[in-house]
PDB file of N, CA and C in Angstrom:
ATOM      1  N   MET A   1     107.876 180.180  26.860  1.00  0.00           N
ATOM      2  CA  MET A   1     109.134 180.995  27.121  1.00  0.00           C
ATOM      3  C   MET A   1     110.342 179.942  27.314  1.00  0.00           C
ATOM      4  N   GLN A   2     111.450 180.280  26.651  1.00  0.00           N
ATOM      5  CA  GLN A   2     112.497 179.459  26.761  1.00  0.00           C
ATOM      6  C   GLN A   2     113.907 180.103  26.978  1.00  0.00           C
ATOM      7  N   LYS A   3     114.842 179.438  27.170  1.00  0.00           N
ATOM      8  CA  LYS A   3     116.205 179.908  27.540  1.00  0.00           C
ATOM      9  C   LYS A   3     116.468 180.508  26.192  1.00  0.00           C
ATOM     10  N   GLY A   4     117.409 181.850  26.379  1.00  0.00           N
ATOM     11  CA  GLY A   4     117.820 182.458  25.106  1.00  0.00           C
ATOM     12  C   GLY A   4     118.094 183.937  25.146  1.00  0.00           C
ATOM     13  N   ILE A   5     118.482 184.659  24.035  1.00  0.00           N
ATOM     14  CA  ILE A   5     118.455 185.926  23.977  1.00  0.00           C
ATOM     15  C   ILE A   5     117.439 186.743  23.361  1.00  0.00           C
ATOM     16  N   PHE A   6     116.696 187.399  24.165  1.00  0.00           N
ATOM     17  CA  PHE A   6     115.519 188.150  23.380  1.00  0.00           C
ATOM     18  C   PHE A   6     115.640 189.520  23.760  1.00  0.00           C
ATOM     19  N   ASN A   7     115.557 190.387  22.810  1.00  0.00           N
ATOM     20  CA  ASN A   7     115.491 191.839  22.782  1.00  0.00           C
ATOM     21  C   ASN A   7     116.862 192.363  23.596  1.00  0.00           C
ATOM     22  N   ASP A   8     118.142 191.704  23.212  1.00  0.00           N
ATOM     23  CA  ASP A   8     119.411 191.929  23.787  1.00  0.00           C
ATOM     24  C   ASP A   8     119.669 191.708  25.222  1.00  0.00           C
ATOM     25  N   THR A   9     118.724 190.681  25.716  1.00  0.00           N
ATOM     26  CA  THR A   9     118.675 190.299  27.090  1.00  0.00           C
ATOM     27  C   THR A   9     118.620 188.719  26.981  1.00  0.00           C
ATOM     28  N   PHE A  10     119.534 188.231  28.230  1.00  0.00           N
ATOM     29  CA  PHE A  10     119.772 186.706  28.172  1.00  0.00           C
ATOM     30  C   PHE A  10     119.079 186.250  29.262  1.00  0.00           C
ATOM     31  N   TYR A  11     118.128 185.162  29.125  1.00  0.00           N
ATOM     32  CA  TYR A  11     117.340 184.531  30.172  1.00  0.00           C
ATOM     33  C   TYR A  11     117.838 182.955  30.182  1.00  0.00           C
ATOM     34  N   SER A  12     118.350 182.725  31.330  1.00  0.00           N
ATOM     35  CA  SER A  12     118.828 181.148  31.677  1.00  0.00           C
ATOM     36  C   SER A  12     117.776 180.623  32.085  1.00  0.00           C
ATOM     37  N   GLU A  13     117.835 179.154  31.754  1.00  0.00           N
ATOM     38  CA  GLU A  13     116.904 178.155  32.289  1.00  0.00           C
ATOM     39  C   GLU A  13     116.683 178.366  33.945  1.00  0.00           C
ATOM     40  N   GLU A  14     117.573 178.513  34.704  1.00  0.00           N
ATOM     41  CA  GLU A  14     117.512 178.655  36.051  1.00  0.00           C
ATOM     42  C   GLU A  14     116.461 180.045  36.444  1.00  0.00           C
ATOM     43  N   VAL A  15     117.112 180.969  35.597  1.00  0.00           N
ATOM     44  CA  VAL A  15     116.147 182.112  35.958  1.00  0.00           C
ATOM     45  C   VAL A  15     114.610 182.115  35.540  1.00  0.00           C
ATOM     46  N   ILE A  16     114.424 181.457  34.575  1.00  0.00           N
ATOM     47  CA  ILE A  16     112.968 181.134  33.924  1.00  0.00           C
ATOM     48  C   ILE A  16     112.335 180.243  35.042  1.00  0.00           C
ATOM     49  N   LYS A  17     112.883 179.139  35.463  1.00  0.00           N
ATOM     50  CA  LYS A  17     112.390 178.244  36.560  1.00  0.00           C
ATOM     51  C   LYS A  17     111.915 179.227  37.894  1.00  0.00           C
ATOM     52  N   LYS A  18     112.877 179.826  38.367  1.00  0.00           N
ATOM     53  CA  LYS A  18     112.529 180.658  39.556  1.00  0.00           C
ATOM     54  C   LYS A  18     111.578 181.484  39.287  1.00  0.00           C
ATOM     55  N   ALA A  19     111.422 182.307  38.402  1.00  0.00           N
ATOM     56  CA  ALA A  19     110.103 183.150  38.018  1.00  0.00           C
ATOM     57  C   ALA A  19     109.033 182.373  38.011  1.00  0.00           C
ATOM     58  N   PHE A  20     108.929 181.137  37.254  1.00  0.00           N
ATOM     59  CA  PHE A  20     107.664 180.417  36.973  1.00  0.00           C
ATOM     60  C   PHE A  20     107.196 180.148  38.570  1.00  0.00           C
ATOM     61  N   GLU A  21     108.173 179.545  39.400  1.00  0.00           N
ATOM     62  CA  GLU A  21     107.744 178.901  40.622  1.00  0.00           C
ATOM     63  C   GLU A  21     107.408 180.233  41.734  1.00  0.00           C
ATOM     64  N   LYS A  22     107.895 181.433  41.556  1.00  0.00           N
ATOM     65  CA  LYS A  22     107.154 182.549  42.166  1.00  0.00           C
ATOM     66  C   LYS A  22     106.055 183.092  41.724  1.00  0.00           C
ATOM     67  N   ASN A  23     105.727 183.054  40.615  1.00  0.00           N
ATOM     68  CA  ASN A  23     104.539 183.743  39.927  1.00  0.00           C
ATOM     69  C   ASN A  23     103.411 182.754  39.549  1.00  0.00           C
ATOM     70  N   ASN A  24     102.113 183.070  40.067  1.00  0.00           N
ATOM     71  CA  ASN A  24     100.995 182.307  39.593  1.00  0.00           C
ATOM     72  C   ASN A  24     100.497 182.844  38.365  1.00  0.00           C
ATOM     73  N   LEU A  25     100.651 181.984  37.383  1.00  0.00           N
ATOM     74  CA  LEU A  25     100.291 182.837  35.913  1.00  0.00           C
ATOM     75  C   LEU A  25      98.762 182.240  35.729  1.00  0.00           C
ATOM     76  N   LYS A  26      98.134 181.589  36.474  1.00  0.00           N
ATOM     77  CA  LYS A  26      96.746 181.160  36.043  1.00  0.00           C
ATOM     78  C   LYS A  26      95.954 182.613  36.145  1.00  0.00           C
ATOM     79  N   ASN A  27      95.097 182.758  35.211  1.00  0.00           N
ATOM     80  CA  ASN A  27      94.155 183.972  35.191  1.00  0.00           C
ATOM     81  C   ASN A  27      94.880 185.150  34.800  1.00  0.00           C
ATOM     82  N   SER A  28      96.085 185.203  34.448  1.00  0.00           N
ATOM     83  CA  SER A  28      96.848 186.194  33.876  1.00  0.00           C
ATOM     84  C   SER A  28      96.071 186.600  32.719  1.00  0.00           C
ATOM     85  N   LYS A  29      95.911 188.128  32.465  1.00  0.00           N
ATOM     86  CA  LYS A  29      95.355 188.609  31.402  1.00  0.00           C
ATOM     87  C   LYS A  29      96.245 188.593  30.019  1.00  0.00           C
ATOM     88  N   ILE A  30      95.523 188.573  28.851  1.00  0.00           N
ATOM     89  CA  ILE A  30      96.168 188.528  27.565  1.00  0.00           C
ATOM     90  C   ILE A  30      95.846 189.818  26.983  1.00  0.00           C
ATOM     91  N   PHE A  31      96.762 190.773  26.659  1.00  0.00           N
ATOM     92  CA  PHE A  31      96.248 192.058  26.057  1.00  0.00           C
ATOM     93  C   PHE A  31      96.669 191.945  24.592  1.00  0.00           C
ATOM     94  N   LEU A  32      95.972 192.627  23.727  1.00  0.00           N
ATOM     95  CA  LEU A  32      96.150 192.886  22.194  1.00  0.00           C
ATOM     96  C   LEU A  32      97.466 193.856  22.237  1.00  0.00           C
ATOM     97  N   ASP A  33      98.507 193.435  21.783  1.00  0.00           N
ATOM     98  CA  ASP A  33      99.816 194.286  21.585  1.00  0.00           C
ATOM     99  C   ASP A  33     100.145 194.893  22.861  1.00  0.00           C
ATOM    100  N   PHE A  34      99.939 194.250  24.048  1.00  0.00           N
ATOM    101  CA  PHE A  34     100.357 194.730  25.157  1.00  0.00           C
ATOM    102  C   PHE A  34      99.718 196.111  25.747  1.00  0.00           C
ATOM    103  N   LYS A  35      98.724 196.436  25.079  1.00  0.00           N
ATOM    104  CA  LYS A  35      98.030 197.791  25.396  1.00  0.00           C
ATOM    105  C   LYS A  35      97.062 197.167  26.661  1.00  0.00           C
ATOM    106  N   ASN A  36      97.506 197.719  27.875  1.00  0.00           N
ATOM    107  CA  ASN A  36      96.916 197.303  29.218  1.00  0.00           C
ATOM    108  C   ASN A  36      95.743 197.935  29.531  1.00  0.00           C
ATOM    109  N   THR A  37      94.816 198.078  28.553  1.00  0.00           N
ATOM    110  CA  THR A  37      93.357 198.569  28.928  1.00  0.00           C
ATOM    111  C   THR A  37      92.409 197.490  28.848  1.00  0.00           C
ATOM    112  N   VAL A  38      91.265 197.888  29.368  1.00  0.00           N
ATOM    113  CA  VAL A  38      89.996 197.247  29.641  1.00  0.00           C
ATOM    114  C   VAL A  38      89.553 196.616  27.997  1.00  0.00           C
ATOM    115  N   ASP A  39      89.523 197.676  27.124  1.00  0.00           N
ATOM    116  CA  ASP A  39      89.190 197.265  25.771  1.00  0.00           C
ATOM    117  C   ASP A  39      90.191 196.347  25.049  1.00  0.00           C
ATOM    118  N   SER A  40      91.458 196.149  25.503  1.00  0.00           N
ATOM    119  CA  SER A  40      92.164 195.346  24.760  1.00  0.00           C
ATOM    120  C   SER A  40      92.495 193.969  25.385  1.00  0.00           C
ATOM    121  N   VAL A  41      91.682 193.691  26.350  1.00  0.00           N
ATOM    122  CA  VAL A  41      91.775 192.280  27.092  1.00  0.00           C
ATOM    123  C   VAL A  41      91.271 191.307  25.958  1.00  0.00           C
ATOM    124  N   CYS A  42      92.180 190.359  25.505  1.00  0.00           N
ATOM    125  CA  CYS A  42      91.434 189.503  24.455  1.00  0.00           C
ATOM    126  C   CYS A  42      91.521 188.087  24.915  1.00  0.00           C
ATOM    127  N   GLY A  43      91.927 187.724  26.144  1.00  0.00           N
ATOM    128  CA  GLY A  43      92.221 186.337  26.611  1.00  0.00           C
ATOM    129  C   GLY A  43      92.675 186.215  28.018  1.00  0.00           C
ATOM    130  N   LYS A  44      92.798 184.959  28.666  1.00  0.00           N
ATOM    131  CA  LYS A  44      93.463 184.827  29.891  1.00  0.00           C
ATOM    132  C   LYS A  44      94.312 183.539  29.664  1.00  0.00           C
ATOM    133  N   VAL A  45      95.139 183.118  30.738  1.00  0.00           N
ATOM    134  CA  VAL A  45      95.909 181.885  30.918  1.00  0.00           C
ATOM    135  C   VAL A  45      94.921 181.033  31.779  1.00  0.00           C
ATOM    136  N   ASN A  46      94.802 179.796  31.317  1.00  0.00           N
ATOM    137  CA  ASN A  46      93.811 179.077  32.232  1.00  0.00           C
ATOM    138  C   ASN A  46      94.830 178.059  33.142  1.00  0.00           C
ATOM    139  N   SER A  47      96.007 177.550  32.358  1.00  0.00           N
ATOM    140  CA  SER A  47      97.023 177.095  33.387  1.00  0.00           C
ATOM    141  C   SER A  47      98.468 177.177  32.480  1.00  0.00           C
ATOM    142  N   ALA A  48      99.444 176.784  33.481  1.00  0.00           N
ATOM    143  CA  ALA A  48     100.846 177.032  32.777  1.00  0.00           C
ATOM    144  C   ALA A  48     101.552 175.735  33.351  1.00  0.00           C
ATOM    145  N   ARG A  49     102.488 175.367  32.675  1.00  0.00           N
ATOM    146  CA  ARG A  49     103.526 174.257  33.113  1.00  0.00           C
ATOM    147  C   ARG A  49     104.856 174.536  32.658  1.00  0.00           C
ATOM    148  N   LEU A  50     105.697 173.838  33.506  1.00  0.00           N
ATOM    149  CA  LEU A  50     107.194 173.929  33.352  1.00  0.00           C
ATOM    150  C   LEU A  50     107.456 172.795  32.799  1.00  0.00           C
ATOM    151  N   SER A  51     108.131 172.639  31.691  1.00  0.00           N
ATOM    152  CA  SER A  51     108.744 171.358  31.037  1.00  0.00           C
ATOM    153  C   SER A  51     109.987 170.977  31.786  1.00  0.00           C
ATOM    154  N   SER A  52     110.438 169.762  31.579  1.00  0.00           N
ATOM    155  CA  SER A  52     111.688 169.288  32.081  1.00  0.00           C
ATOM    156  C   SER A  52     112.857 170.103  31.617  1.00  0.00           C
ATOM    157  N   ASN A  53     112.770 170.516  30.699  1.00  0.00           N
ATOM    158  CA  ASN A  53     114.003 171.616  30.221  1.00  0.00           C
ATOM    159  C   ASN A  53     113.669 172.959  30.440  1.00  0.00           C
ATOM    160  N   ASN A  54     112.879 173.372  31.419  1.00  0.00           N
ATOM    161  CA  ASN A  54     112.522 174.625  31.627  1.00  0.00           C
ATOM    162  C   ASN A  54     111.987 175.608  30.684  1.00  0.00           C
ATOM    163  N   LYS A  55     111.114 175.053  29.926  1.00  0.00           N
ATOM    164  CA  LYS A  55     110.312 175.788  28.920  1.00  0.00           C
ATOM    165  C   LYS A  55     109.020 176.062  29.541  1.00  0.00           C
ATOM    166  N   ILE A  56     108.418 177.336  29.369  1.00  0.00           N
ATOM    167  CA  ILE A  56     107.051 177.533  30.037  1.00  0.00           C
ATOM    168  C   ILE A  56     106.052 177.320  28.923  1.00  0.00           C
ATOM    169  N   TYR A  57     105.055 176.501  29.253  1.00  0.00           N
ATOM    170  CA  TYR A  57     103.735 176.412  28.164  1.00  0.00           C
ATOM    171  C   TYR A  57     102.622 176.869  28.962  1.00  0.00           C
ATOM    172  N   LEU A  58     101.741 177.468  28.075  1.00  0.00           N
ATOM    173  CA  LEU A  58     100.699 178.011  28.561  1.00  0.00           C
ATOM    174  C   LEU A  58      99.280 177.312  27.857  1.00  0.00           C
ATOM    175  N   ASP A  59      98.277 177.243  28.467  1.00  0.00           N
ATOM    176  CA  ASP A  59      96.738 176.831  28.112  1.00  0.00           C
ATOM    177  C   ASP A  59      96.105 178.110  28.195  1.00  0.00           C
ATOM    178  N   CYS A  60      95.621 178.635  26.998  1.00  0.00           N
ATOM    179  CA  CYS A  60      95.190 179.884  27.024  1.00  0.00           C
ATOM    180  C   CYS A  60      93.554 179.863  26.294  1.00  0.00           C
ATOM    181  N   GLN A  61      92.738 180.907  26.942  1.00  0.00           N
ATOM    182  CA  GLN A  61      91.617 181.229  26.262  1.00  0.00           C
ATOM    183  C   GLN A  61      91.506 182.516  25.658  1.00  0.00           C
ATOM    184  N   ILE A  62      91.206 182.379  24.455  1.00  0.00           N
ATOM    185  CA  ILE A  62      91.001 183.752  23.543  1.00  0.00           C
ATOM    186  C   ILE A  62      89.448 183.766  23.522  1.00  0.00           C
ATOM    187  N   PHE A  63      88.981 184.821  23.997  1.00  0.00           N
ATOM    188  CA  PHE A  63      87.699 185.103  23.952  1.00  0.00           C
ATOM    189  C   PHE A  63      87.157 186.289  23.176  1.00  0.00           C
ATOM    190  N   ASP A  64      88.163 187.095  22.517  1.00  0.00           N
ATOM    191  CA  ASP A  64      87.918 188.053  21.307  1.00  0.00           C
ATOM    192  C   ASP A  64      87.498 187.445  20.257  1.00  0.00           C
ATOM    193  N   LYS A  65      86.309 187.808  19.670  1.00  0.00           N
ATOM    194  CA  LYS A  65      85.544 187.355  18.380  1.00  0.00           C
ATOM    195  C   LYS A  65      86.551 187.815  17.219  1.00  0.00           C
ATOM    196  N   LYS A  66      87.103 188.908  17.126  1.00  0.00           N
ATOM    197  CA  LYS A  66      88.015 189.280  15.988  1.00  0.00           C
ATOM    198  C   LYS A  66      89.031 188.369  16.035  1.00  0.00           C
ATOM    199  N   VAL A  67      89.878 188.124  17.042  1.00  0.00           N
ATOM    200  CA  VAL A  67      91.085 187.454  17.216  1.00  0.00           C
ATOM    201  C   VAL A  67      90.546 186.014  16.705  1.00  0.00           C
ATOM    202  N   GLN A  68      89.542 185.450  17.378  1.00  0.00           N
ATOM    203  CA  GLN A  68      89.242 183.909  16.904  1.00  0.00           C
ATOM    204  C   GLN A  68      88.840 183.923  15.496  1.00  0.00           C
ATOM    205  N   GLU A  69      88.337 184.719  14.731  1.00  0.00           N
ATOM    206  CA  GLU A  69      87.946 184.756  13.606  1.00  0.00           C
ATOM    207  C   GLU A  69      89.413 184.925  12.734  1.00  0.00           C
ATOM    208  N   LEU A  70      90.143 185.656  13.059  1.00  0.00           N
ATOM    209  CA  LEU A  70      91.356 185.726  12.430  1.00  0.00           C
ATOM    210  C   LEU A  70      92.321 184.443  12.440  1.00  0.00           C
ATOM    211  N   TYR A  71      92.294 183.901  13.664  1.00  0.00           N
ATOM    212  CA  TYR A  71      92.872 182.505  13.774  1.00  0.00           C
ATOM    213  C   TYR A  71      92.298 181.456  12.880  1.00  0.00           C
ATOM    214  N   LYS A  72      91.033 181.549  12.753  1.00  0.00           N
ATOM    215  CA  LYS A  72      90.361 180.519  11.814  1.00  0.00           C
ATOM    216  C   LYS A  72      90.925 180.751  10.397  1.00  0.00           C
ATOM    217  N   GLN A  73      91.244 182.017   9.885  1.00  0.00           N
ATOM    218  CA  GLN A  73      91.649 182.378   8.731  1.00  0.00           C
ATOM    219  C   GLN A  73      93.216 182.046   8.658  1.00  0.00           C
ATOM    220  N   LYS A  74      93.876 181.421   9.445  1.00  0.00           N
ATOM    221  CA  LYS A  74      95.353 180.815   9.613  1.00  0.00           C
ATOM    222  C   LYS A  74      96.187 182.014   9.729  1.00  0.00           C
ATOM    223  N   ILE A  75      95.818 183.169  10.440  1.00  0.00           N
ATOM    224  CA  ILE A  75      96.680 184.390  10.781  1.00  0.00           C
ATOM    225  C   ILE A  75      97.374 183.496  12.000  1.00  0.00           C
ATOM    226  N   SER A  76      98.760 183.846  11.984  1.00  0.00           N
ATOM    227  CA  SER A  76      99.686 183.255  13.018  1.00  0.00           C
ATOM    228  C   SER A  76      99.895 184.367  14.176  1.00  0.00           C
ATOM    229  N   PHE A  77      99.719 184.146  15.495  1.00  0.00           N
ATOM    230  CA  PHE A  77      99.710 184.850  16.677  1.00  0.00           C
ATOM    231  C   PHE A  77     100.701 184.137  17.662  1.00  0.00           C
ATOM    232  N   ALA A  78     101.348 185.113  18.479  1.00  0.00           N
ATOM    233  CA  ALA A  78     102.160 184.577  19.502  1.00  0.00           C
ATOM    234  C   ALA A  78     101.634 185.203  20.662  1.00  0.00           C
ATOM    235  N   ILE A  79     101.689 184.472  21.926  1.00  0.00           N
ATOM    236  CA  ILE A  79     101.475 185.269  23.141  1.00  0.00           C
ATOM    237  C   ILE A  79     102.715 184.981  23.856  1.00  0.00           C
ATOM    238  N   VAL A  80     103.107 186.444  24.247  1.00  0.00           N
ATOM    239  CA  VAL A  80     104.332 186.840  24.552  1.00  0.00           C
ATOM    240  C   VAL A  80     104.304 187.454  26.035  1.00  0.00           C
ATOM    241  N   PRO A  81     105.264 187.099  27.033  1.00  0.00           N
ATOM    242  CA  PRO A  81     105.266 187.568  28.236  1.00  0.00           C
ATOM    243  C   PRO A  81     105.692 188.862  28.408  1.00  0.00           C
ATOM    244  N   LYS A  82     104.964 189.936  29.076  1.00  0.00           N
ATOM    245  CA  LYS A  82     105.651 191.029  29.537  1.00  0.00           C
ATOM    246  C   LYS A  82     106.410 190.799  30.861  1.00  0.00           C
ATOM    247  N   VAL A  83     107.624 191.134  31.180  1.00  0.00           N
ATOM    248  CA  VAL A  83     108.233 191.078  32.487  1.00  0.00           C
ATOM    249  C   VAL A  83     108.949 192.207  32.776  1.00  0.00           C
ATOM    250  N   LEU A  84     109.139 192.186  34.308  1.00  0.00           N
ATOM    251  CA  LEU A  84     109.856 193.349  34.931  1.00  0.00           C
ATOM    252  C   LEU A  84     111.059 192.657  35.384  1.00  0.00           C
ATOM    253  N   CYS A  85     112.413 192.884  34.735  1.00  0.00           N
ATOM    254  CA  CYS A  85     113.653 192.264  34.977  1.00  0.00           C
ATOM    255  C   CYS A  85     114.463 193.048  35.860  1.00  0.00           C
ATOM    256  N   ASP A  86     115.456 192.268  36.874  1.00  0.00           N
ATOM    257  CA  ASP A  86     116.522 192.709  37.395  1.00  0.00           C
ATOM    258  C   ASP A  86     117.595 192.119  36.322  1.00  0.00           C
ATOM    259  N   THR A  87     118.326 193.201  35.945  1.00  0.00           N
ATOM    260  CA  THR A  87     119.449 192.634  34.854  1.00  0.00           C
ATOM    261  C   THR A  87     120.995 193.068  35.668  1.00  0.00           C
ATOM    262  N   LYS A  88     121.879 192.443  35.024  1.00  0.00           N
ATOM    263  CA  LYS A  88     123.362 192.728  35.105  1.00  0.00           C
ATOM    264  C   LYS A  88     124.015 192.836  33.851  1.00  0.00           C
ATOM    265  N   LYS A  89     125.003 193.677  33.808  1.00  0.00           N
ATOM    266  CA  LYS A  89     125.805 193.765  32.683  1.00  0.00           C
ATOM    267  C   LYS A  89     126.793 192.680  32.397  1.00  0.00           C
ATOM    268  N   GLN A  90     127.034 191.960  31.381  1.00  0.00           N
ATOM    269  CA  GLN A  90     127.916 191.001  31.221  1.00  0.00           C
ATOM    270  C   GLN A  90     129.425 191.418  30.781  1.00  0.00           C
ATOM    271  N   GLN A  91     130.486 190.996  31.280  1.00  0.00           N
ATOM    272  CA  GLN A  91     131.625 191.428  30.941  1.00  0.00           C
ATOM    273  C   GLN A  91     131.814 191.095  29.337  1.00  0.00           C
ATOM    274  N   GLY A  92     132.712 192.203  28.587  1.00  0.00           N
ATOM    275  CA  GLY A  92     132.832 191.776  27.332  1.00  0.00           C
ATOM    276  C   GLY A  92     132.408 192.628  26.343  1.00  0.00           C
ATOM    277  N   LYS A  93     132.784 192.666  25.043  1.00  0.00           N
ATOM    278  CA  LYS A  93     132.215 193.703  24.237  1.00  0.00           C
ATOM    279  C   LYS A  93     130.815 193.077  23.518  1.00  0.00           C
ATOM    280  N   LYS A  94     130.026 193.879  23.332  1.00  0.00           N
ATOM    281  CA  LYS A  94     128.619 193.814  22.608  1.00  0.00           C
ATOM    282  C   LYS A  94     127.931 192.324  23.273  1.00  0.00           C
ATOM    283  N   LYS A  95     128.248 192.039  24.648  1.00  0.00           N
ATOM    284  CA  LYS A  95     127.442 190.990  25.218  1.00  0.00           C
ATOM    285  C   LYS A  95     125.888 191.597  25.814  1.00  0.00           C
ATOM    286  N   PRO A  96     125.061 190.691  25.720  1.00  0.00           N
ATOM    287  CA  PRO A  96     123.699 191.153  26.155  1.00  0.00           C
ATOM    288  C   PRO A  96     123.694 191.093  27.490  1.00  0.00           C
ATOM    289  N   LEU A  97     122.629 191.854  28.008  1.00  0.00           N
ATOM    290  CA  LEU A  97     122.461 191.965  29.439  1.00  0.00           C
ATOM    291  C   LEU A  97     121.952 190.620  30.090  1.00  0.00           C
ATOM    292  N   GLU A  98     122.101 190.259  31.191  1.00  0.00           N
ATOM    293  CA  GLU A  98     121.906 189.030  31.792  1.00  0.00           C
ATOM    294  C   GLU A  98     120.856 189.280  32.639  1.00  0.00           C
ATOM    295  N   VAL A  99     119.432 188.429  32.744  1.00  0.00           N
ATOM    296  CA  VAL A  99     118.762 188.658  33.693  1.00  0.00           C
ATOM    297  C   VAL A  99     118.973 187.968  35.035  1.00  0.00           C
ATOM    298  N   LYS A 100     119.052 188.578  36.212  1.00  0.00           N
ATOM    299  CA  LYS A 100     119.349 187.882  37.533  1.00  0.00           C
ATOM    300  C   LYS A 100     117.813 187.435  37.998  1.00  0.00           C
ATOM    301  N   SER A 101     116.760 188.009  37.754  1.00  0.00           N
ATOM    302  CA  SER A 101     115.668 187.582  38.188  1.00  0.00           C
ATOM    303  C   SER A 101     114.492 188.404  37.392  1.00  0.00           C
ATOM    304  N   PHE A 102     113.239 187.984  37.307  1.00  0.00           N
ATOM    305  CA  PHE A 102     112.077 188.583  36.736  1.00  0.00           C
ATOM    306  C   PHE A 102     110.758 188.115  37.296  1.00  0.00           C
ATOM    307  N   ASP A 103     109.841 188.975  36.982  1.00  0.00           N
ATOM    308  CA  ASP A 103     108.446 188.732  37.370  1.00  0.00           C
ATOM    309  C   ASP A 103     107.597 188.939  36.235  1.00  0.00           C
ATOM    310  N   PHE A 104     106.629 188.112  36.040  1.00  0.00           N
ATOM    311  CA  PHE A 104     105.567 188.306  35.033  1.00  0.00           C
ATOM    312  C   PHE A 104     104.643 189.343  35.303  1.00  0.00           C
ATOM    313  N   ILE A 105     104.265 190.451  34.292  1.00  0.00           N
ATOM    314  CA  ILE A 105     103.511 191.197  34.373  1.00  0.00           C
ATOM    315  C   ILE A 105     102.200 190.991  33.732  1.00  0.00           C
ATOM    316  N   SER A 106     102.181 190.614  32.483  1.00  0.00           N
ATOM    317  CA  SER A 106     100.953 190.140  31.621  1.00  0.00           C
ATOM    318  C   SER A 106     101.442 189.534  30.611  1.00  0.00           C
ATOM    319  N   PHE A 107     100.650 189.245  29.681  1.00  0.00           N
ATOM    320  CA  PHE A 107     100.999 188.719  28.418  1.00  0.00           C
ATOM    321  C   PHE A 107     100.469 189.541  27.299  1.00  0.00           C
ATOM    322  N   GLY A 108     100.876 189.372  26.104  1.00  0.00           N
ATOM    323  CA  GLY A 108     100.499 190.111  24.914  1.00  0.00           C
ATOM    324  C   GLY A 108     100.316 189.227  23.763  1.00  0.00           C
ATOM    325  N   LEU A 109      99.115 189.540  23.018  1.00  0.00           N
ATOM    326  CA  LEU A 109      99.192 188.724  21.815  1.00  0.00           C
ATOM    327  C   LEU A 109      99.661 189.562  20.632  1.00  0.00           C
ATOM    328  N   VAL A 110     100.582 188.875  20.013  1.00  0.00           N
ATOM    329  CA  VAL A 110     101.223 189.771  19.079  1.00  0.00           C
ATOM    330  C   VAL A 110     101.524 189.080  17.734  1.00  0.00           C
ATOM    331  N   LEU A 111     101.794 189.506  16.459  1.00  0.00           N
ATOM    332  CA  LEU A 111     102.142 188.967  15.297  1.00  0.00           C
ATOM    333  C   LEU A 111     103.422 188.663  14.951  1.00  0.00           C
ATOM    334  N   CYS A 112     104.542 189.323  15.437  1.00  0.00           N
ATOM    335  CA  CYS A 112     106.134 189.277  15.176  1.00  0.00           C
ATOM    336  C   CYS A 112     106.807 189.013  16.646  1.00  0.00           C
ATOM    337  N   PRO A 113     106.647 187.932  17.098  1.00  0.00           N
ATOM    338  CA  PRO A 113     107.504 187.827  18.457  1.00  0.00           C
ATOM    339  C   PRO A 113     109.128 187.626  18.072  1.00  0.00           C
ATOM    340  N   SER A 114     109.634 187.986  19.374  1.00  0.00           N
ATOM    341  CA  SER A 114     111.272 187.958  19.335  1.00  0.00           C
ATOM    342  C   SER A 114     111.553 186.374  19.258  1.00  0.00           C
ATOM    343  N   ASP A 115     110.780 185.581  19.951  1.00  0.00           N
ATOM    344  CA  ASP A 115     111.354 184.139  19.960  1.00  0.00           C
ATOM    345  C   ASP A 115     109.861 183.330  19.298  1.00  0.00           C
ATOM    346  N   LYS A 116     110.572 182.939  17.845  1.00  0.00           N
ATOM    347  CA  LYS A 116     109.247 182.345  16.908  1.00  0.00           C
ATOM    348  C   LYS A 116     108.845 181.081  17.778  1.00  0.00           C
ATOM    349  N   GLU A 117     109.436 180.373  18.737  1.00  0.00           N
ATOM    350  CA  GLU A 117     108.894 179.347  19.184  1.00  0.00           C
ATOM    351  C   GLU A 117     107.385 179.663  20.258  1.00  0.00           C
ATOM    352  N   LEU A 118     107.108 180.959  20.171  1.00  0.00           N
ATOM    353  CA  LEU A 118     106.014 181.470  21.025  1.00  0.00           C
ATOM    354  C   LEU A 118     104.832 181.623  20.021  1.00  0.00           C
ATOM    355  N   PHE A 119     104.870 181.265  18.821  1.00  0.00           N
ATOM    356  CA  PHE A 119     103.590 181.096  18.055  1.00  0.00           C
ATOM    357  C   PHE A 119     102.587 180.006  18.709  1.00  0.00           C
ATOM    358  N   ILE A 120     101.357 180.323  18.631  1.00  0.00           N
ATOM    359  CA  ILE A 120     100.371 179.497  19.087  1.00  0.00           C
ATOM    360  C   ILE A 120     100.348 178.351  18.078  1.00  0.00           C
ATOM    361  N   LYS A 121     100.370 177.001  18.765  1.00  0.00           N
ATOM    362  CA  LYS A 121     100.353 175.989  18.120  1.00  0.00           C
ATOM    363  C   LYS A 121      98.839 175.296  17.878  1.00  0.00           C
ATOM    364  N   ARG A 122      99.029 175.035  16.422  1.00  0.00           N
ATOM    365  CA  ARG A 122      97.637 174.773  15.854  1.00  0.00           C
ATOM    366  C   ARG A 122      97.512 173.187  16.223  1.00  0.00           C
ATOM    367  N   LYS A 123      96.122 172.711  16.646  1.00  0.00           N
ATOM    368  CA  LYS A 123      95.800 171.274  16.895  1.00  0.00           C
ATOM    369  C   LYS A 123      95.451 170.647  15.437  1.00  0.00           C
TER     370      LYS A 123
END
């Protein structure tokens, strides 16, 4: 996750850093397409780190066999955070909402993320 506008909502570096510091992401569940059911759990976060420019990087374990096979076939996936935000409207015409604070709820494995930087990096 990084600074930017996603789904018409602006996330600043400062807000991302604060959310990272107050949320323990280790062992967070990863769901297929954000379907928060037992059957759709496909992985977990092993660790998370915040870079010097306040980007969040995750080390994840995917244990769903079908997803592992699709990955081997070079299908691209992204792991995207599901968050609960406290926002405020910015002054001006057609300006995005600005996030004042947020909490991580879970993560979803998706094919088409709003932030293209979230695609899983291949080794």
